[in-house]
Amino acid sequence: MSLETFGPAMLRPGQPCPEIPQMTAAPFKSEFLKTMHARGFIHQITHPAELDAACLAGPIAAYIGFDATAASLHVGSLIQIMMLRRFQQAGHKPIVLMGGGTTKVGDPTDKDESRPLLTEAQIQSNIASIQTVFARFLTFGNGPTDAVMVDNDVWLSKFGYVEFLREFGVHFTINRMLAFDSVKARLEREQPMTFLEFNYMLMQSVDFLELERRNSCVLQMGGSDQWGNIVNGVELIRRVDGKPAFGLTTPLLSTASGQKMGKTVGGAVWLNADMRSPYDYWQFWRNTEDADVGRFLRLFTDLPLDEIARLEALPGAEINAAKKVLANAATTLLHGADEAARAAGAADAAFVQGTLSDDLPTHEVPAAELAGGMVLAALAAEAGLAGSRGEARRLAQGGGLRVNDVAEPDANRVITNADLVGGVVKLAAGKKKIVLVKPV
């Protein structure tokens, strides 16, 4: 079955697609697709004209799936959450699909190794933790455009193995599945893919079919790495139920320097406040590379496009003002205006006024260990200021590691109680990251 697509013409499912230039005139009439294009969300669309007409005709339902592999989503998933937000803002109904069933298998996309299998209790605990974030971005309820949250374990766990194969397996060929990038790349790297993982794309296609039948869902959205899985679901619905179904993907994000979105020296940028503080979240956006400011403002804030154009055009060091606007807006969406203001105030106090704030991130260490002495390189890595002891040593040698506002070139220096000032030791990496080491 051939698919009409927006982006490069007549893509094979799973074939990579170059990013659509931001300034290309949008061939859309619906508010949703015009907004998505103007803000840089669109990478690929199946049946673009038909989807545009469906969006114009009235509220439609769309979903994005989120597997529960950890207790929090990270900022790499934020573009998907913002897609659902844009969808609701345009007058449509978003569906948040929690992968209680698919997490039991694990998405093999872009992975060289199988994901660790989680227990039922771990999956349910992760779902309970993850789902709290969505209410910050979406309005949930029973209205025609209110968001709903569902769990695919409701239907996937009910299928018998033979029943599943007989009902859905006949619609998929091994030849086609082996051609998808997610499978082909794994095999080309001679990394084994279990039969369990191989079934994931069938399960995701069935999710779309079930949501079409249960919730009149006609659109699945996701990152471009999910293109093959999404196309499978589109084709399954059109073939089995004879109803319209569409797919839309976003570009996979990386920073201007090529780093994967959401990865930092201190680890993943988690969305849950108990896994990454509002201050650290604010700092993540404040430290955005100059070349990324406009793009991230369009994707991750609700600021008007003309204001974003003004901010990204600020010359020289003035771009730092735009970064603060980005940090404030992004943090407000996730953690609320009060937390954003506290984070901005703490950063101003620490970096401009040189004073400490209770809102600065704190790394607690056993009082006995600090009294006995802790090597600076190890402490800096443990506190998240560097990715490793070696990186901390290089940072110190370059003059970028500071103890109580004094540059410390010796990463082997021992930090003790003698370094406590006001009950804490202030460690800083560069000009943008501070951690207060507190004995407990």
Protein backbone atom coordinates (compact mmCIF):
# COMPACT_ATOMS: atom_id res chain seq x y z
CA MET A 1 0.00 0.00 0.00
CA SER A 2 1.51 3.31 -1.06
CA LEU A 3 1.25 6.32 1.22
CA GLU A 4 0.93 9.95 0.22
CA THR A 5 3.20 11.91 2.56
CA PHE A 6 4.14 15.47 3.39
CA GLY A 7 7.89 15.93 3.29
CA PRO A 8 9.90 14.09 0.62
CA ALA A 9 7.45 12.56 -1.81
CA MET A 10 6.40 8.93 -1.57
CA LEU A 11 8.56 7.81 1.32
CA ARG A 12 8.83 4.14 2.08
CA PRO A 13 7.65 3.43 5.64
CA GLY A 14 10.68 3.58 7.86
CA GLN A 15 12.71 5.61 5.37
CA PRO A 16 14.41 8.63 6.99
CA CYS A 17 13.20 12.04 5.94
CA PRO A 18 15.19 15.30 6.02
CA GLU A 19 13.72 18.03 8.17
CA ILE A 20 11.25 20.33 6.42
CA PRO A 21 12.78 23.83 6.12
CA GLN A 22 11.26 26.23 8.62
CA MET A 23 10.51 28.93 6.04
CA THR A 24 8.71 26.67 3.55
CA ALA A 25 5.18 27.92 2.88
CA ALA A 26 2.76 25.66 4.74
CA PRO A 27 0.30 23.91 2.41
CA PHE A 28 -2.31 23.67 5.18
CA LYS A 29 -5.62 25.34 6.01
CA SER A 30 -6.39 23.90 9.46
CA GLU A 31 -5.23 25.76 12.55
CA PHE A 32 -3.52 22.69 13.98
CA LEU A 33 -1.33 21.86 10.99
CA LYS A 34 -0.56 25.49 10.24
CA THR A 35 0.61 25.97 13.82
CA MET A 36 2.58 22.74 13.82
CA HIS A 37 4.37 23.73 10.64
CA ALA A 38 5.06 27.31 11.70
CA ARG A 39 6.59 26.14 14.99
CA GLY A 40 8.74 23.43 13.41
CA PHE A 41 7.00 20.29 14.66
CA ILE A 42 6.35 18.53 11.36
CA HIS A 43 8.71 15.96 9.91
CA GLN A 44 6.40 13.55 8.07
CA ILE A 45 2.64 13.21 7.56
CA THR A 46 0.67 10.47 5.84
CA HIS A 47 -2.25 11.67 3.68
CA PRO A 48 -1.61 15.38 4.45
CA ALA A 49 -4.49 16.85 2.45
CA GLU A 50 -6.96 14.36 3.92
CA LEU A 51 -5.75 15.03 7.47
CA ASP A 52 -5.94 18.78 6.90
CA ALA A 53 -9.56 18.41 5.75
CA ALA A 54 -10.42 16.24 8.76
CA CYS A 55 -8.99 18.87 11.13
CA LEU A 56 -11.05 21.55 9.42
CA ALA A 57 -14.27 19.50 9.58
CA GLY A 58 -14.45 19.39 13.36
CA PRO A 59 -12.80 18.01 16.49
CA ILE A 60 -10.82 14.82 15.89
CA ALA A 61 -8.94 12.62 18.36
CA ALA A 62 -5.21 11.87 18.29
CA TYR A 63 -2.91 9.94 20.55
CA ILE A 64 0.72 9.55 21.54
CA GLY A 65 1.99 6.57 23.52
CA PHE A 66 4.39 6.75 26.47
CA ASP A 67 5.98 3.59 27.84
CA ALA A 68 6.61 3.43 31.58
CA THR A 69 10.28 2.43 31.58
CA ALA A 70 11.21 4.89 34.36
CA ALA A 71 9.52 6.82 37.16
CA SER A 72 9.60 10.00 35.07
CA LEU A 73 9.65 11.07 31.45
CA HIS A 74 12.59 13.24 30.47
CA VAL A 75 12.76 16.40 28.40
CA GLY A 76 13.26 14.34 25.24
CA SER A 77 9.55 13.44 25.55
CA LEU A 78 8.52 17.06 25.97
CA ILE A 79 8.08 17.67 22.25
CA GLN A 80 5.47 14.88 22.22
CA ILE A 81 3.64 16.41 25.19
CA MET A 82 3.73 19.83 23.51
CA MET A 83 2.26 18.25 20.34
CA LEU A 84 -0.73 17.09 22.35
CA ARG A 85 -0.96 20.58 23.87
CA ARG A 86 -0.97 22.23 20.42
CA PHE A 87 -3.58 19.71 19.30
CA GLN A 88 -5.90 20.62 22.19
CA GLN A 89 -5.28 24.34 21.74
CA ALA A 90 -6.49 23.96 18.14
CA GLY A 91 -9.80 22.52 19.35
CA HIS A 92 -9.17 18.76 19.18
CA LYS A 93 -9.15 15.86 21.63
CA PRO A 94 -5.77 14.49 22.82
CA ILE A 95 -5.37 10.95 24.11
CA VAL A 96 -2.45 10.08 26.37
CA LEU A 97 -1.75 6.37 26.02
CA MET A 98 0.19 4.86 28.91
CA GLY A 99 2.05 1.75 27.82
CA GLY A 100 1.21 -0.60 30.64
CA GLY A 101 1.14 -3.44 28.12
CA THR A 102 3.89 -2.43 25.69
CA THR A 103 6.32 -1.69 28.52
CA LYS A 104 6.22 -5.41 29.29
CA VAL A 105 7.89 -5.96 25.90
CA GLY A 106 10.03 -2.84 25.46
CA ASP A 107 10.35 -0.66 22.37
CA PRO A 108 13.42 -1.84 20.38
CA THR A 109 13.52 1.34 18.28
CA ASP A 110 16.99 2.91 18.19
CA LYS A 111 18.29 0.42 20.78
CA ASP A 112 21.23 -1.98 20.50
CA GLU A 113 20.18 -4.07 23.48
CA SER A 114 16.92 -5.33 24.91
CA ARG A 115 15.39 -3.19 27.62
CA PRO A 116 15.38 -4.73 31.10
CA LEU A 117 12.02 -6.38 31.72
CA LEU A 118 10.10 -4.71 34.54
CA THR A 119 7.69 -6.34 36.93
CA GLU A 120 3.98 -5.49 36.92
CA ALA A 121 4.44 -3.60 40.19
CA GLN A 122 7.32 -1.55 38.77
CA ILE A 123 5.34 -0.66 35.65
CA GLN A 124 2.29 0.46 37.63
CA SER A 125 4.45 2.49 40.00
CA ASN A 126 6.13 4.21 37.04
CA ILE A 127 2.76 4.98 35.42
CA ALA A 128 1.46 6.54 38.65
CA SER A 129 4.55 8.73 38.81
CA ILE A 130 4.65 9.68 35.12
CA GLN A 131 1.01 10.61 34.66
CA THR A 132 1.12 13.52 37.12
CA VAL A 133 3.06 15.65 34.61
CA PHE A 134 0.39 15.72 31.90
CA ALA A 135 -2.10 17.81 33.86
CA ARG A 136 0.38 20.70 33.64
CA PHE A 137 0.05 20.76 29.86
CA LEU A 138 -3.43 19.40 29.10
CA THR A 139 -6.97 19.90 30.34
CA PHE A 140 -8.54 16.56 31.25
CA GLY A 141 -12.27 15.88 31.48
CA ASN A 142 -15.31 14.49 29.69
CA GLY A 143 -15.84 17.23 27.11
CA PRO A 144 -15.39 16.82 23.34
CA THR A 145 -11.92 18.39 23.41
CA ASP A 146 -10.87 17.34 26.91
CA ALA A 147 -7.85 15.05 27.16
CA VAL A 148 -8.21 11.47 28.34
CA MET A 149 -5.64 8.99 29.58
CA VAL A 150 -5.84 5.27 28.81
CA ASP A 151 -3.62 2.23 29.42
CA ASN A 152 -2.99 -0.25 26.61
CA ASP A 153 -2.69 -3.09 29.11
CA VAL A 154 -6.51 -2.99 29.22
CA TRP A 155 -6.71 -4.68 25.83
CA LEU A 156 -3.25 -6.15 25.20
CA SER A 157 -3.38 -8.31 28.33
CA LYS A 158 -6.74 -9.75 27.27
CA PHE A 159 -5.57 -11.26 23.99
CA GLY A 160 -4.72 -14.94 23.84
CA TYR A 161 -1.56 -15.64 21.83
CA VAL A 162 -3.25 -17.64 19.07
CA GLU A 163 -6.13 -15.19 18.92
CA PHE A 164 -3.71 -12.25 18.54
CA LEU A 165 -1.77 -13.97 15.76
CA ARG A 166 -4.88 -15.05 13.84
CA GLU A 167 -6.57 -11.65 14.07
CA PHE A 168 -3.59 -9.38 13.39
CA GLY A 169 -0.59 -11.43 12.28
CA VAL A 170 -2.08 -12.05 8.84
CA HIS A 171 -1.81 -8.33 8.06
CA PHE A 172 1.98 -8.11 8.54
CA THR A 173 4.73 -9.70 6.47
CA ILE A 174 8.19 -10.56 7.79
CA ASN A 175 9.68 -9.10 4.59
CA ARG A 176 8.15 -5.71 5.35
CA MET A 177 9.01 -5.75 9.04
CA LEU A 178 12.66 -6.56 8.30
CA ALA A 179 12.80 -3.52 6.01
CA PHE A 180 11.98 -1.05 8.77
CA ASP A 181 14.94 1.01 9.92
CA SER A 182 14.38 0.11 13.57
CA VAL A 183 14.85 -3.59 12.74
CA LYS A 184 17.30 -3.34 9.85
CA ALA A 185 19.77 -1.09 11.65
CA ARG A 186 19.80 -3.40 14.68
CA LEU A 187 20.49 -6.45 12.54
CA GLU A 188 23.13 -4.65 10.47
CA ARG A 189 24.99 -3.89 13.68
CA GLU A 190 24.77 -7.60 14.43
CA GLN A 191 22.87 -6.89 17.63
CA PRO A 192 20.32 -9.59 18.48
CA MET A 193 16.63 -8.72 18.52
CA THR A 194 14.43 -11.04 20.54
CA PHE A 195 11.16 -12.36 19.17
CA LEU A 196 9.51 -10.53 22.07
CA GLU A 197 10.81 -7.19 20.78
CA PHE A 198 9.95 -8.09 17.20
CA ASN A 199 6.29 -8.17 18.23
CA TYR A 200 6.38 -4.58 19.51
CA MET A 201 5.42 -3.02 16.19
CA LEU A 202 2.37 -5.31 15.96
CA MET A 203 1.32 -4.30 19.46
CA GLN A 204 1.64 -0.60 18.64
CA SER A 205 -0.43 -1.04 15.49
CA VAL A 206 -3.12 -2.80 17.50
CA ASP A 207 -3.08 0.09 19.98
CA PHE A 208 -4.03 2.48 17.18
CA LEU A 209 -6.76 0.12 15.96
CA GLU A 210 -8.20 -0.26 19.46
CA LEU A 211 -8.20 3.51 20.02
CA GLU A 212 -9.91 4.02 16.67
CA ARG A 213 -12.64 1.60 17.75
CA ARG A 214 -12.94 2.72 21.37
CA ASN A 215 -12.25 6.47 21.11
CA SER A 216 -12.78 7.29 17.41
CA CYS A 217 -9.07 8.15 17.25
CA VAL A 218 -7.88 8.91 13.70
CA LEU A 219 -4.33 10.22 14.23
CA GLN A 220 -1.20 8.82 15.84
CA MET A 221 1.70 11.18 16.48
CA GLY A 222 5.26 10.57 17.62
CA GLY A 223 8.94 11.07 16.92
CA SER A 224 10.34 10.26 13.49
CA ASP A 225 11.92 7.08 14.88
CA GLN A 226 8.34 5.79 15.23
CA TRP A 227 7.46 6.39 11.57
CA GLY A 228 7.44 2.70 10.60
CA ASN A 229 5.35 1.68 13.61
CA ILE A 230 2.89 4.52 12.96
CA VAL A 231 2.53 3.66 9.27
CA ASN A 232 1.78 0.05 10.22
CA GLY A 233 -1.11 1.23 12.39
CA VAL A 234 -2.43 3.58 9.70
CA GLU A 235 -2.44 0.76 7.15
CA LEU A 236 -3.99 -1.73 9.58
CA ILE A 237 -6.98 0.53 10.29
CA ARG A 238 -7.52 1.39 6.64
CA ARG A 239 -7.28 -2.26 5.63
CA VAL A 240 -9.26 -3.90 8.46
CA ASP A 241 -11.89 -1.27 9.31
CA GLY A 242 -11.85 0.70 6.05
CA LYS A 243 -11.72 3.99 7.97
CA PRO A 244 -9.47 7.03 7.63
CA ALA A 245 -6.33 7.01 9.76
CA PHE A 246 -3.30 9.27 9.73
CA GLY A 247 0.23 9.53 11.07
CA LEU A 248 2.38 12.55 11.94
CA THR A 249 5.95 12.64 13.20
CA THR A 250 8.28 15.29 14.57
CA PRO A 251 12.01 15.57 13.93
CA LEU A 252 14.26 13.82 16.43
CA LEU A 253 15.80 16.69 18.33
CA SER A 254 19.43 17.39 18.96
CA THR A 255 21.16 20.59 20.01
CA ALA A 256 23.04 22.80 17.56
CA SER A 257 26.27 21.09 18.65
CA GLY A 258 24.80 17.65 17.91
CA GLN A 259 24.08 16.52 21.46
CA LYS A 260 20.94 14.46 22.00
CA MET A 261 18.14 16.57 23.43
CA GLY A 262 17.83 16.25 27.20
CA LYS A 263 21.23 14.69 27.90
CA THR A 264 23.53 16.65 30.20
CA VAL A 265 26.64 16.09 32.27
CA GLY A 266 24.40 15.48 35.27
CA GLY A 267 22.30 12.88 33.45
CA ALA A 268 18.79 12.93 31.97
CA VAL A 269 16.67 16.06 32.37
CA TRP A 270 13.71 14.46 34.14
CA LEU A 271 10.31 16.16 34.17
CA ASN A 272 9.27 15.06 37.67
CA ALA A 273 10.34 17.59 40.29
CA ASP A 274 11.49 14.90 42.73
CA MET A 275 13.99 13.67 40.11
CA ARG A 276 15.17 17.06 38.83
CA SER A 277 14.53 20.23 40.81
CA PRO A 278 12.75 23.22 39.25
CA TYR A 279 16.00 25.16 39.68
CA ASP A 280 18.02 22.60 37.69
CA TYR A 281 15.24 22.47 35.09
CA TRP A 282 15.35 26.28 34.77
CA GLN A 283 19.13 26.14 34.42
CA PHE A 284 18.88 23.52 31.68
CA TRP A 285 16.90 25.94 29.51
CA ARG A 286 19.01 28.94 30.57
CA ASN A 287 22.10 27.11 29.28
CA THR A 288 20.61 26.60 25.80
CA GLU A 289 23.07 27.13 22.96
CA ASP A 290 22.64 30.46 21.16
CA ALA A 291 21.70 28.79 17.88
CA ASP A 292 18.87 26.81 19.53
CA VAL A 293 17.04 29.64 21.32
CA GLY A 294 14.50 30.48 18.60
CA ARG A 295 13.80 26.84 17.78
CA PHE A 296 13.25 25.91 21.42
CA LEU A 297 11.03 28.95 22.04
CA ARG A 298 8.80 27.83 19.15
CA LEU A 299 8.65 24.21 20.27
CA PHE A 300 8.53 24.46 24.05
CA THR A 301 6.71 27.70 24.91
CA ASP A 302 3.41 29.37 24.04
CA LEU A 303 5.04 32.70 23.19
CA PRO A 304 3.70 34.34 20.00
CA LEU A 305 5.81 33.79 16.91
CA ASP A 306 6.48 37.48 16.34
CA GLU A 307 7.86 37.83 19.88
CA ILE A 308 10.03 34.76 19.33
CA ALA A 309 11.37 36.27 16.11
CA ARG A 310 12.34 39.41 18.04
CA LEU A 311 14.04 37.45 20.80
CA GLU A 312 16.08 35.16 18.57
CA ALA A 313 17.35 38.17 16.62
CA LEU A 314 18.90 39.81 19.72
CA PRO A 315 22.58 40.52 18.96
CA GLY A 316 25.63 39.27 20.84
CA ALA A 317 25.33 38.87 24.58
CA GLU A 318 21.74 40.16 24.52
CA ILE A 319 20.68 36.65 23.47
CA ASN A 320 21.05 35.77 27.17
CA ALA A 321 17.86 37.75 27.81
CA ALA A 322 16.05 35.43 25.37
CA LYS A 323 17.47 32.40 27.18
CA LYS A 324 16.02 33.66 30.45
CA VAL A 325 12.63 34.13 28.76
CA LEU A 326 12.88 30.55 27.49
CA ALA A 327 13.84 29.24 30.94
CA ASN A 328 11.01 31.13 32.65
CA ALA A 329 8.38 30.09 30.11
CA ALA A 330 9.39 26.41 29.98
CA THR A 331 9.68 26.12 33.75
CA THR A 332 6.33 27.85 34.25
CA LEU A 333 4.61 25.31 31.99
CA LEU A 334 5.99 22.34 33.92
CA HIS A 335 6.36 23.58 37.50
CA GLY A 336 4.23 26.73 37.68
CA ALA A 337 4.98 30.45 37.77
CA ASP A 338 6.01 30.48 41.44
CA GLU A 339 8.68 27.82 41.00
CA ALA A 340 9.95 29.53 37.84
CA ALA A 341 10.25 32.83 39.71
CA ARG A 342 12.07 31.14 42.60
CA ALA A 343 14.50 29.46 40.21
CA ALA A 344 15.18 32.73 38.38
CA GLY A 345 15.66 34.53 41.71
CA ALA A 346 18.05 31.88 43.00
CA ALA A 347 20.09 32.05 39.80
CA ASP A 348 20.25 35.83 39.97
CA ALA A 349 21.33 35.72 43.62
CA ALA A 350 24.02 33.12 42.95
CA PHE A 351 25.47 34.38 39.69
CA VAL A 352 24.81 38.12 39.77
CA GLN A 353 24.77 39.04 43.46
CA GLY A 354 27.07 36.24 44.62
CA THR A 355 24.77 35.22 47.48
CA LEU A 356 23.23 31.85 48.33
CA SER A 357 19.57 30.88 48.24
CA ASP A 358 17.62 28.02 49.75
CA ASP A 359 16.36 27.27 46.22
CA LEU A 360 19.82 26.32 44.95
CA PRO A 361 20.31 22.57 44.38
CA THR A 362 21.78 20.77 47.39
CA HIS A 363 23.86 17.61 47.45
CA GLU A 364 23.82 15.94 50.86
CA VAL A 365 26.81 13.92 52.07
CA PRO A 366 27.31 12.00 55.32
CA ALA A 367 28.80 14.36 57.90
CA ALA A 368 31.41 11.75 58.87
CA GLU A 369 32.65 11.50 55.26
CA LEU A 370 33.09 15.25 54.93
CA ALA A 371 34.81 15.42 58.30
CA GLY A 372 37.25 12.75 57.13
CA GLY A 373 37.82 14.51 53.81
CA MET A 374 36.43 14.02 50.30
CA VAL A 375 38.42 14.34 47.06
CA LEU A 376 37.12 17.27 45.01
CA ALA A 377 37.03 15.37 41.69
CA ALA A 378 34.94 12.59 43.20
CA LEU A 379 32.66 15.04 45.01
CA ALA A 380 32.09 17.15 41.87
CA ALA A 381 31.16 14.04 39.86
CA GLU A 382 28.92 12.72 42.64
CA ALA A 383 27.15 16.09 42.87
CA GLY A 384 26.46 16.17 39.12
CA LEU A 385 28.84 18.98 38.22
CA ALA A 386 30.84 16.65 35.99
CA GLY A 387 30.10 13.39 34.26
CA SER A 388 33.13 11.63 35.74
CA ARG A 389 36.19 12.22 37.91
CA GLY A 390 38.29 12.61 34.79
CA GLU A 391 35.96 15.28 33.48
CA ALA A 392 36.12 17.04 36.84
CA ARG A 393 39.93 17.03 36.64
CA ARG A 394 39.87 18.55 33.17
CA LEU A 395 37.38 21.14 34.37
CA ALA A 396 39.66 22.08 37.26
CA GLN A 397 42.76 22.29 35.06
CA GLY A 398 40.91 24.69 32.77
CA GLY A 399 39.93 26.95 35.65
CA GLY A 400 36.27 25.99 35.52
CA LEU A 401 35.87 24.32 38.92
CA ARG A 402 35.36 26.60 41.92
CA VAL A 403 35.12 26.02 45.66
CA ASN A 404 33.34 28.78 47.54
CA ASP A 405 33.75 31.09 44.53
CA VAL A 406 37.52 30.51 44.26
CA ALA A 407 38.92 28.65 41.23
CA GLU A 408 40.52 25.37 42.28
CA PRO A 409 42.99 23.92 39.73
CA ASP A 410 43.79 20.86 41.87
CA ALA A 411 41.00 18.30 41.46
CA ASN A 412 42.71 16.08 44.02
CA ARG A 413 42.29 18.66 46.74
CA VAL A 414 40.53 17.24 49.81
CA ILE A 415 37.33 19.02 50.88
CA THR A 416 36.67 18.96 54.65
CA ASN A 417 34.63 20.72 57.32
CA ALA A 418 37.13 23.54 57.11
CA ASP A 419 35.57 24.47 53.76
CA LEU A 420 32.09 24.90 55.21
CA VAL A 421 30.71 28.43 54.90
CA GLY A 422 27.33 28.91 56.53
CA GLY A 423 27.00 25.16 56.90
CA VAL A 424 27.60 24.32 53.20
CA VAL A 425 30.40 24.08 50.65
CA LYS A 426 29.58 25.95 47.45
CA LEU A 427 30.84 24.10 44.36
CA ALA A 428 30.49 25.58 40.90
CA ALA A 429 31.26 24.34 37.39
CA GLY A 430 31.85 27.16 34.94
CA LYS A 431 29.63 30.17 35.31
CA LYS A 432 26.28 28.43 35.11
CA LYS A 433 26.06 25.53 37.54
CA ILE A 434 26.17 25.58 41.34
CA VAL A 435 25.63 22.86 43.93
CA LEU A 436 25.66 23.33 47.69
CA VAL A 437 27.30 20.39 49.46
CA LYS A 438 25.63 19.92 52.82
CA PRO A 439 26.70 17.47 55.54
CA VAL A 440 23.86 15.51 57.14
